[in-house]
C-alpha atoms as a PDB file:
ATOM      1  CA  MET A   1     107.194  78.979 102.205  1.00  0.00           C
ATOM      2  CA  GLU A   2     105.994  78.692  98.634  1.00  0.00           C
ATOM      3  CA  GLU A   3     105.129  82.184  96.837  1.00  0.00           C
ATOM      4  CA  ILE A   4     101.809  83.464  96.125  1.00  0.00           C
ATOM      5  CA  LYS A   5     101.872  84.352  92.607  1.00  0.00           C
ATOM      6  CA  PRO A   6      99.992  87.005  91.665  1.00  0.00           C
ATOM      7  CA  PHE A   7      96.256  86.717  89.924  1.00  0.00           C
ATOM      8  CA  ALA A   8      95.301  88.540  86.779  1.00  0.00           C
ATOM      9  CA  PHE A   9      92.130  88.260  85.910  1.00  0.00           C
ATOM     10  CA  VAL A  10      91.646  88.453  81.889  1.00  0.00           C
ATOM     11  CA  LEU A  11      88.667  90.311  80.081  1.00  0.00           C
ATOM     12  CA  MET A  12      87.982  89.901  76.043  1.00  0.00           C
ATOM     13  CA  PRO A  13      85.527  88.971  73.819  1.00  0.00           C
ATOM     14  CA  PHE A  14      84.936  85.798  74.128  1.00  0.00           C
ATOM     15  CA  HIS A  15      85.584  84.447  70.499  1.00  0.00           C
ATOM     16  CA  ASP A  16      88.271  82.142  68.306  1.00  0.00           C
ATOM     17  CA  SER A  17      90.413  85.312  66.690  1.00  0.00           C
ATOM     18  CA  PHE A  18      91.656  86.323  70.066  1.00  0.00           C
ATOM     19  CA  ASP A  19      92.472  83.014  71.469  1.00  0.00           C
ATOM     20  CA  ASP A  20      96.153  83.019  70.017  1.00  0.00           C
ATOM     21  CA  ILE A  21      96.454  86.232  71.727  1.00  0.00           C
ATOM     22  CA  TYR A  22      95.026  85.235  75.250  1.00  0.00           C
ATOM     23  CA  ARG A  23      97.513  82.375  74.490  1.00  0.00           C
ATOM     24  CA  TYR A  24     100.662  83.640  73.648  1.00  0.00           C
ATOM     25  CA  GLY A  25     100.366  87.803  74.064  1.00  0.00           C
ATOM     26  CA  ILE A  26      98.631  87.436  77.511  1.00  0.00           C
ATOM     27  CA  LYS A  27      99.119  84.419  79.328  1.00  0.00           C
ATOM     28  CA  GLN A  28     102.848  83.978  78.281  1.00  0.00           C
ATOM     29  CA  ALA A  29     103.869  87.416  79.466  1.00  0.00           C
ATOM     30  CA  CYS A  30     102.206  86.890  82.636  1.00  0.00           C
ATOM     31  CA  ALA A  31     103.877  82.799  83.219  1.00  0.00           C
ATOM     32  CA  GLU A  32     107.530  84.776  82.398  1.00  0.00           C
ATOM     33  CA  LEU A  33     106.951  87.123  85.806  1.00  0.00           C
ATOM     34  CA  SER A  34     105.119  84.141  87.786  1.00  0.00           C
ATOM     35  CA  ILE A  35     102.010  85.706  87.671  1.00  0.00           C
ATOM     36  CA  VAL A  36      98.713  83.532  87.321  1.00  0.00           C
ATOM     37  CA  ALA A  37      96.451  84.592  84.241  1.00  0.00           C
ATOM     38  CA  GLU A  38      92.824  83.389  83.742  1.00  0.00           C
ATOM     39  CA  ARG A  39      89.883  84.288  81.674  1.00  0.00           C
ATOM     40  CA  VAL A  40      86.572  83.064  83.387  1.00  0.00           C
ATOM     41  CA  ASP A  41      85.939  80.234  80.565  1.00  0.00           C
ATOM     42  CA  GLU A  42      88.637  78.315  81.395  1.00  0.00           C
ATOM     43  CA  GLN A  43      87.354  77.874  85.591  1.00  0.00           C
ATOM     44  CA  PHE A  44      84.658  75.686  86.777  1.00  0.00           C
ATOM     45  CA  TYR A  45      82.050  77.236  89.121  1.00  0.00           C
ATOM     46  CA  SER A  46      78.520  76.514  89.812  1.00  0.00           C
ATOM     47  CA  GLU A  47      77.101  80.301  90.533  1.00  0.00           C
ATOM     48  CA  THR A  48      75.990  82.216  87.059  1.00  0.00           C
ATOM     49  CA  MET A  49      78.688  83.182  84.673  1.00  0.00           C
ATOM     50  CA  LEU A  50      78.324  86.590  85.656  1.00  0.00           C
ATOM     51  CA  GLY A  51      78.865  86.048  89.622  1.00  0.00           C
ATOM     52  CA  ARG A  52      81.908  84.474  88.724  1.00  0.00           C
ATOM     53  CA  ILE A  53      82.993  87.173  86.923  1.00  0.00           C
ATOM     54  CA  TYR A  54      82.176  89.838  89.528  1.00  0.00           C
ATOM     55  CA  ARG A  55      83.816  87.842  92.012  1.00  0.00           C
ATOM     56  CA  GLN A  56      86.996  86.831  89.873  1.00  0.00           C
ATOM     57  CA  ILE A  57      87.333  90.647  89.840  1.00  0.00           C
ATOM     58  CA  GLU A  58      87.078  91.484  93.302  1.00  0.00           C
ATOM     59  CA  ASN A  59      89.522  88.674  93.356  1.00  0.00           C
ATOM     60  CA  ALA A  60      91.761  89.284  91.275  1.00  0.00           C
ATOM     61  CA  ASP A  61      95.366  91.764  92.282  1.00  0.00           C
ATOM     62  CA  PHE A  62      94.789  93.241  88.698  1.00  0.00           C
ATOM     63  CA  ILE A  63      92.957  92.923  85.730  1.00  0.00           C
ATOM     64  CA  ILE A  64      94.261  92.892  82.105  1.00  0.00           C
ATOM     65  CA  ALA A  65      91.139  93.630  79.538  1.00  0.00           C
ATOM     66  CA  ASP A  66      91.513  93.660  76.067  1.00  0.00           C
ATOM     67  CA  MET A  67      89.134  96.347  74.752  1.00  0.00           C
ATOM     68  CA  THR A  68      89.073  95.387  71.012  1.00  0.00           C
ATOM     69  CA  GLY A  69      85.891  96.072  68.934  1.00  0.00           C
ATOM     70  CA  LYS A  70      84.736  98.124  72.180  1.00  0.00           C
ATOM     71  CA  ASN A  71      82.986  94.491  73.027  1.00  0.00           C
ATOM     72  CA  PRO A  72      80.225  96.202  75.745  1.00  0.00           C
ATOM     73  CA  ASN A  73      80.598  92.971  78.310  1.00  0.00           C
ATOM     74  CA  VAL A  74      84.200  93.797  78.748  1.00  0.00           C
ATOM     75  CA  PHE A  75      83.232  97.281  78.846  1.00  0.00           C
ATOM     76  CA  TYR A  76      81.049  96.914  81.682  1.00  0.00           C
ATOM     77  CA  GLU A  77      83.396  94.297  83.550  1.00  0.00           C
ATOM     78  CA  VAL A  78      86.291  97.215  82.937  1.00  0.00           C
ATOM     79  CA  GLY A  79      83.808  99.215  84.511  1.00  0.00           C
ATOM     80  CA  TYR A  80      82.758  97.418  88.029  1.00  0.00           C
ATOM     81  CA  ALA A  81      86.957  96.564  88.153  1.00  0.00           C
ATOM     82  CA  HIS A  82      87.302 100.647  88.253  1.00  0.00           C
ATOM     83  CA  ALA A  83      84.912 100.984  90.362  1.00  0.00           C
ATOM     84  CA  LYS A  84      86.379  98.026  93.044  1.00  0.00           C
ATOM     85  CA  GLY A  85      89.843 100.180  92.804  1.00  0.00           C
ATOM     86  CA  LYS A  86      91.652  97.218  90.698  1.00  0.00           C
ATOM     87  CA  PRO A  87      95.022  98.007  88.611  1.00  0.00           C
ATOM     88  CA  CYS A  88      94.130  97.650  85.441  1.00  0.00           C
ATOM     89  CA  ALA A  89      95.991  96.855  81.891  1.00  0.00           C
ATOM     90  CA  LEU A  90      93.993  97.770  79.010  1.00  0.00           C
ATOM     91  CA  LEU A  91      94.803  96.492  75.793  1.00  0.00           C
ATOM     92  CA  THR A  92      93.489  97.075  72.038  1.00  0.00           C
ATOM     93  CA  GLN A  93      94.654  96.729  68.672  1.00  0.00           C
ATOM     94  CA  ASN A  94      93.094  99.919  67.542  1.00  0.00           C
ATOM     95  CA  SER A  95      93.020 103.113  69.647  1.00  0.00           C
ATOM     96  CA  GLU A  96      90.050 103.981  68.438  1.00  0.00           C
ATOM     97  CA  ASP A  97      88.672 101.413  70.427  1.00  0.00           C
ATOM     98  CA  ILE A  98      89.615 103.504  74.030  1.00  0.00           C
ATOM     99  CA  PRO A  99      87.278 105.455  74.832  1.00  0.00           C
ATOM    100  CA  PHE A 100      87.532 109.144  75.636  1.00  0.00           C
ATOM    101  CA  ASP A 101      87.105 109.465  79.506  1.00  0.00           C
ATOM    102  CA  LEU A 102      89.596 105.896  79.534  1.00  0.00           C
ATOM    103  CA  GLN A 103      91.912 107.606  77.880  1.00  0.00           C
ATOM    104  CA  HIS A 104      94.010 108.802  80.434  1.00  0.00           C
ATOM    105  CA  HIS A 105      94.205 105.506  81.803  1.00  0.00           C
ATOM    106  CA  PHE A 106      97.538 102.942  80.617  1.00  0.00           C
ATOM    107  CA  HIS A 107      96.765 101.404  77.541  1.00  0.00           C
ATOM    108  CA  ILE A 108      98.720  99.074  74.946  1.00  0.00           C
ATOM    109  CA  VAL A 109      97.918  99.390  71.252  1.00  0.00           C
ATOM    110  CA  TYR A 110      99.251  96.459  69.587  1.00  0.00           C
ATOM    111  CA  GLY A 111      97.638  96.409  66.064  1.00  0.00           C
ATOM    112  CA  GLY A 112      96.521  92.565  65.997  1.00  0.00           C
ATOM    113  CA  LYS A 113     100.666  91.628  66.434  1.00  0.00           C
ATOM    114  CA  ILE A 114     100.946  89.311  69.104  1.00  0.00           C
ATOM    115  CA  GLY A 115     104.804  89.852  69.663  1.00  0.00           C
ATOM    116  CA  GLY A 116     104.652  93.508  70.180  1.00  0.00           C
ATOM    117  CA  LEU A 117     102.019  93.141  72.786  1.00  0.00           C
ATOM    118  CA  LYS A 118     103.980  90.920  74.891  1.00  0.00           C
ATOM    119  CA  GLU A 119     106.901  93.054  74.538  1.00  0.00           C
ATOM    120  CA  GLN A 120     104.738  95.824  75.592  1.00  0.00           C
ATOM    121  CA  LEU A 121     102.775  94.075  78.580  1.00  0.00           C
ATOM    122  CA  LEU A 122     105.976  92.423  80.124  1.00  0.00           C
ATOM    123  CA  PRO A 123     107.169  95.893  81.284  1.00  0.00           C
ATOM    124  CA  ARG A 124     103.181  96.789  82.593  1.00  0.00           C
ATOM    125  CA  LEU A 125     102.848  93.902  84.235  1.00  0.00           C
ATOM    126  CA  GLN A 126     106.614  94.277  86.319  1.00  0.00           C
ATOM    127  CA  TRP A 127     105.847  96.933  87.503  1.00  0.00           C
ATOM    128  CA  MET A 128     102.532  95.806  88.582  1.00  0.00           C
ATOM    129  CA  LYS A 129     103.603  92.862  90.651  1.00  0.00           C
ATOM    130  CA  GLY A 130     105.980  94.924  92.424  1.00  0.00           C
ATOM    131  CA  GLU A 131     103.399  97.733  93.265  1.00  0.00           C
ATOM    132  CA  LEU A 132     101.462  94.537  94.508  1.00  0.00           C
ATOM    133  CA  GLU A 133     104.697  92.981  96.043  1.00  0.00           C
ATOM    134  CA  LYS A 134     105.270  96.759  98.557  1.00  0.00           C
ATOM    135  CA  GLU A 135     101.587  96.456  99.108  1.00  0.00           C
ATOM    136  CA  ARG A 136     101.785  93.019 100.064  1.00  0.00           C
ATOM    137  CA  ARG A 137     104.740  93.677 102.848  1.00  0.00           C
ATOM    138  CA  GLU A 138     102.714  96.191 104.644  1.00  0.00           C
ATOM    139  CA  THR A 139      99.063  95.061 104.810  1.00  0.00           C
ATOM    140  CA  ILE A 140      97.995  94.412 108.049  1.00  0.00           C
ATOM    141  CA  THR A 141      97.708  96.291 111.181  1.00  0.00           C
ATOM    142  CA  ALA A 142      96.010  95.629 114.484  1.00  0.00           C
ATOM    143  CA  THR A 143      94.796  97.493 117.162  1.00  0.00           C
ATOM    144  CA  ILE A 144      93.451  95.962 120.506  1.00  0.00           C
ATOM    145  CA  THR A 145      90.347  96.435 123.122  1.00  0.00           C
ATOM    146  CA  ALA A 146      90.032  94.995 126.703  1.00  0.00           C
ATOM    147  CA  SER A 147      86.969  94.749 128.813  1.00  0.00           C
ATOM    148  CA  THR A 148      86.525  95.790 132.332  1.00  0.00           C
ATOM    149  CA  GLY A 149      88.067  92.919 134.830  1.00  0.00           C
ATOM    150  CA  THR A 150      85.524  90.922 136.455  1.00  0.00           C
ATOM    151  CA  LEU A 151      86.399  89.135 139.623  1.00  0.00           C
ATOM    152  CA  ASP A 152      84.802  86.023 141.007  1.00  0.00           C
ATOM    153  CA  VAL A 153      85.103  85.750 144.438  1.00  0.00           C
ATOM    154  CA  THR A 154      84.656  82.557 146.521  1.00  0.00           C
ATOM    155  CA  GLU A 155      85.688  81.211 149.919  1.00  0.00           C
ATOM    156  CA  TYR A 156      87.991  79.037 148.075  1.00  0.00           C
ATOM    157  CA  TRP A 157      89.674  81.386 145.192  1.00  0.00           C
ATOM    158  CA  HIS A 158      89.326  84.640 143.456  1.00  0.00           C
ATOM    159  CA  GLU A 159      89.208  84.444 139.661  1.00  0.00           C
ATOM    160  CA  GLY A 160      89.282  87.065 137.121  1.00  0.00           C
ATOM    161  CA  GLU A 161      88.332  87.434 133.123  1.00  0.00           C
ATOM    162  CA  PHE A 162      88.809  90.505 130.734  1.00  0.00           C
ATOM    163  CA  GLU A 163      87.828  90.084 127.197  1.00  0.00           C
ATOM    164  CA  LEU A 164      90.486  91.494 124.737  1.00  0.00           C
ATOM    165  CA  LYS A 165      89.017  91.731 120.784  1.00  0.00           C
ATOM    166  CA  ILE A 166      91.941  92.058 118.160  1.00  0.00           C
ATOM    167  CA  VAL A 167      90.673  94.257 115.530  1.00  0.00           C
ATOM    168  CA  LEU A 168      92.833  93.476 111.981  1.00  0.00           C
ATOM    169  CA  LYS A 169      92.427  95.738 109.130  1.00  0.00           C
ATOM    170  CA  ASN A 170      93.922  95.386 105.631  1.00  0.00           C
ATOM    171  CA  VAL A 171      95.074  99.181 104.740  1.00  0.00           C
ATOM    172  CA  ALA A 172      96.535  97.365 100.896  1.00  0.00           C
ATOM    173  CA  LYS A 173      94.748  98.091  97.761  1.00  0.00           C
ATOM    174  CA  PHE A 174      94.809  94.314  97.720  1.00  0.00           C
ATOM    175  CA  ARG A 175      93.167  91.473  99.677  1.00  0.00           C
ATOM    176  CA  SER A 176      95.644  90.271 102.451  1.00  0.00           C
ATOM    177  CA  PRO A 177      97.453  86.960 102.024  1.00  0.00           C
ATOM    178  CA  GLU A 178      96.480  84.101 103.834  1.00  0.00           C
ATOM    179  CA  ILE A 179      95.974  84.426 107.422  1.00  0.00           C
ATOM    180  CA  ASP A 180      97.467  81.321 108.567  1.00  0.00           C
ATOM    181  CA  SER A 181      97.359  82.304 112.486  1.00  0.00           C
ATOM    182  CA  ILE A 182      97.136  84.704 115.374  1.00  0.00           C
ATOM    183  CA  SER A 183      99.672  84.010 118.355  1.00  0.00           C
ATOM    184  CA  ILE A 184      99.668  85.815 121.531  1.00  0.00           C
ATOM    185  CA  THR A 185     102.634  85.847 124.044  1.00  0.00           C
ATOM    186  CA  ALA A 186     101.517  86.051 127.833  1.00  0.00           C
ATOM    187  CA  SER A 187     102.349  84.582 130.813  1.00  0.00           C
ATOM    188  CA  ASP A 188     101.742  81.168 131.656  1.00  0.00           C
ATOM    189  CA  SER A 189      99.428  82.084 134.773  1.00  0.00           C
ATOM    190  CA  TRP A 190      96.456  83.023 131.760  1.00  0.00           C
ATOM    191  CA  THR A 191      94.304  80.374 129.820  1.00  0.00           C
ATOM    192  CA  LEU A 192      92.331  82.123 126.858  1.00  0.00           C
ATOM    193  CA  LEU A 193      89.603  80.777 124.843  1.00  0.00           C
ATOM    194  CA  SER A 194      88.130  81.588 121.984  1.00  0.00           C
ATOM    195  CA  ASP A 195      85.008  80.508 120.712  1.00  0.00           C
ATOM    196  CA  GLY A 196      84.489  78.881 123.866  1.00  0.00           C
ATOM    197  CA  LYS A 197      87.604  76.866 123.817  1.00  0.00           C
ATOM    198  CA  GLU A 198      90.835  76.857 125.367  1.00  0.00           C
ATOM    199  CA  CYS A 199      93.575  78.291 123.368  1.00  0.00           C
ATOM    200  CA  VAL A 200      96.254  75.526 122.507  1.00  0.00           C
ATOM    201  CA  SER A 201      99.235  77.012 124.177  1.00  0.00           C
ATOM    202  CA  GLU A 202     103.492  76.540 123.929  1.00  0.00           C
ATOM    203  CA  LYS A 203     105.777  77.287 126.920  1.00  0.00           C
ATOM    204  CA  LEU A 204     108.672  79.567 125.515  1.00  0.00           C
ATOM    205  CA  SER A 205     110.487  80.578 128.601  1.00  0.00           C
ATOM    206  CA  ASP A 206     109.919  80.022 132.326  1.00  0.00           C
ATOM    207  CA  GLY A 207     106.512  81.626 133.283  1.00  0.00           C
ATOM    208  CA  VAL A 208     105.986  82.769 129.533  1.00  0.00           C
ATOM    209  CA  ALA A 209     103.599  80.965 127.032  1.00  0.00           C
ATOM    210  CA  ARG A 210     102.529  82.040 123.255  1.00  0.00           C
ATOM    211  CA  PHE A 211      98.661  81.033 123.003  1.00  0.00           C
ATOM    212  CA  PHE A 212      97.749  80.231 119.330  1.00  0.00           C
ATOM    213  CA  VAL A 213      93.993  82.122 118.442  1.00  0.00           C
ATOM    214  CA  PRO A 214      92.007  80.675 115.208  1.00  0.00           C
ATOM    215  CA  ALA A 215      91.923  83.141 112.579  1.00  0.00           C
ATOM    216  CA  PRO A 216      88.439  85.064 112.097  1.00  0.00           C
ATOM    217  CA  ASN A 217      89.079  85.227 108.267  1.00  0.00           C
ATOM    218  CA  SER A 218      91.358  83.488 105.596  1.00  0.00           C
ATOM    219  CA  ARG A 219      91.773  86.724 104.062  1.00  0.00           C
ATOM    220  CA  ILE A 220      90.782  90.439 104.211  1.00  0.00           C
ATOM    221  CA  ALA A 221      88.930  92.089 101.328  1.00  0.00           C
ATOM    222  CA  PRO A 222      90.542  95.882 100.750  1.00  0.00           C
ATOM    223  CA  GLY A 223      89.743  98.498 103.634  1.00  0.00           C
ATOM    224  CA  ALA A 224      88.041  95.750 105.586  1.00  0.00           C
ATOM    225  CA  LEU A 225      88.169  94.796 109.246  1.00  0.00           C
ATOM    226  CA  SER A 226      88.484  91.115 111.130  1.00  0.00           C
ATOM    227  CA  GLN A 227      87.983  90.661 114.246  1.00  0.00           C
ATOM    228  CA  ALA A 228      89.351  87.893 117.097  1.00  0.00           C
ATOM    229  CA  GLU A 229      87.923  88.130 120.248  1.00  0.00           C
ATOM    230  CA  VAL A 230      89.233  86.072 123.229  1.00  0.00           C
ATOM    231  CA  ILE A 231      89.158  85.482 127.242  1.00  0.00           C
ATOM    232  CA  PHE A 232      91.821  85.721 129.404  1.00  0.00           C
ATOM    233  CA  LYS A 233      91.245  83.748 132.907  1.00  0.00           C
ATOM    234  CA  LYS A 234      93.158  83.896 135.751  1.00  0.00           C
ATOM    235  CA  THR A 235      93.222  82.778 139.460  1.00  0.00           C
ATOM    236  CA  PHE A 236      94.765  85.351 141.204  1.00  0.00           C
ATOM    237  CA  TRP A 237      94.014  83.736 144.740  1.00  0.00           C
ATOM    238  CA  THR A 238      93.664  80.177 146.403  1.00  0.00           C
ATOM    239  CA  LYS A 239      93.115  79.281 149.654  1.00  0.00           C
ATOM    240  CA  TRP A 240      96.139  77.028 149.622  1.00  0.00           C
ATOM    241  CA  SER A 241      98.269  78.974 147.641  1.00  0.00           C
ATOM    242  CA  GLY A 242      99.337  81.059 150.305  1.00  0.00           C
ATOM    243  CA  SER A 243      99.443  84.359 148.088  1.00  0.00           C
ATOM    244  CA  GLU A 244      98.070  87.526 148.962  1.00  0.00           C
ATOM    245  CA  LYS A 245      94.261  87.867 149.399  1.00  0.00           C
ATOM    246  CA  ARG A 246      93.027  91.262 147.736  1.00  0.00           C
ATOM    247  CA  GLU A 247      89.980  93.300 147.577  1.00  0.00           C
ATOM    248  CA  LYS A 248      90.893  94.033 143.851  1.00  0.00           C
ATOM    249  CA  TYR A 249      93.715  93.029 141.331  1.00  0.00           C
ATOM    250  CA  ARG A 250      94.960  94.021 138.248  1.00  0.00           C
ATOM    251  CA  ALA A 251      97.176  92.964 135.479  1.00  0.00           C
ATOM    252  CA  LYS A 252     100.079  95.086 133.548  1.00  0.00           C
ATOM    253  CA  GLY A 253     102.606  95.072 130.840  1.00  0.00           C
ATOM    254  CA  ASN A 254     103.630  94.218 127.755  1.00  0.00           C
ATOM    255  CA  LEU A 255     100.834  91.876 125.676  1.00  0.00           C
ATOM    256  CA  LEU A 256     102.644  90.343 121.966  1.00  0.00           C
ATOM    257  CA  ILE A 257     100.684  89.774 119.253  1.00  0.00           C
ATOM    258  CA  ASP A 258     102.056  87.774 116.464  1.00  0.00           C
ATOM    259  CA  VAL A 259      99.608  87.905 112.832  1.00  0.00           C
ATOM    260  CA  ALA A 260     101.406  84.596 111.174  1.00  0.00           C
ATOM    261  CA  THR A 261     100.589  84.679 106.799  1.00  0.00           C
ATOM    262  CA  ALA A 262     101.116  82.969 103.878  1.00  0.00           C
ATOM    263  CA  GLU A 263     103.989  85.810 103.166  1.00  0.00           C
ATOM    264  CA  GLY A 264     105.237  86.516 106.636  1.00  0.00           C
ATOM    265  CA  THR A 265     104.489  87.404 110.238  1.00  0.00           C
ATOM    266  CA  HIS A 266     103.142  90.844 111.100  1.00  0.00           C
ATOM    267  CA  PRO A 267     104.240  91.514 114.935  1.00  0.00           C
ATOM    268  CA  PHE A 268     102.671  93.799 117.055  1.00  0.00           C
ATOM    269  CA  THR A 269     103.298  94.837 120.980  1.00  0.00           C
ATOM    270  CA  PHE A 270     100.361  96.376 123.113  1.00  0.00           C
ATOM    271  CA  ASP A 271     100.966  97.919 126.824  1.00  0.00           C
ATOM    272  CA  LEU A 272      97.960  95.855 128.841  1.00  0.00           C
ATOM    273  CA  ASN A 273      96.678  97.564 131.861  1.00  0.00           C
ATOM    274  CA  VAL A 274      93.073  95.917 133.219  1.00  0.00           C
ATOM    275  CA  ASP A 275      91.863  95.779 137.004  1.00  0.00           C
ATOM    276  CA  PHE A 276      90.055  93.384 138.517  1.00  0.00           C
ATOM    277  CA  ASP A 277      86.994  94.352 140.665  1.00  0.00           C
ATOM    278  CA  GLU A 278      83.585  92.046 142.478  1.00  0.00           C
ATOM    279  CA  ILE A 279      81.458  92.045 140.571  1.00  0.00           C
ATOM    280  CA  PRO A 280      78.703  94.134 142.533  1.00  0.00           C
ATOM    281  CA  PHE A 281      75.348  92.069 142.824  1.00  0.00           C
END
């Protein structure tokens, strides 16, 4: 599995005097720790520059901002990053450039020396990367809600159906890793449908199958929810099966749900208890 490298979005004044600071101080320090560092002027985009900056701040794992010269654009962007709860490493050549209300935030005063900047930035980036990795190990929780089962009764068959809602929540402070799929392990007597289409399945053992449900979102923002809705269908009785014909049926047991992401699989186990009764009309 290919490692997803952390993304650091760099905010600094657009001036030639900062190019070497960026290339040899910031970008090299990030490269040594397998962190992708980019400025907005390195990217291709069709939106406005300000819109792009907003989007990249939201997508970044953390922010590196050079506050030298009290550039108003950089200050504004750092404020937006703080409002979004992004971890920030603040840099400056002069300590006077850090305003009073930001001095309690971690900052590096490098005095224009690129080597000194890199030396001070490396341990801070290492710490930020470590915090990110801890967050990524425990990013997603899952809950389920099952509707009341309905029973379609004819002279020839009894077929039950219920809807299962799977709600995923990103409990981390960072965007979740890429979600590849959601799989449900259940009895192979069920047919599962998502968005009106039958879910692909594979047989695991006698009577047991794994069903694959498309992920509703590829990534989940911090604190946000993502919901998948799955229809379960099962034939409980047919005229030709010889099984017992009933007025009501019950599906009970464990339901295993695996959320596969680019950084590993999150397994969840739920108790399922659904009653099926004929629709009274």
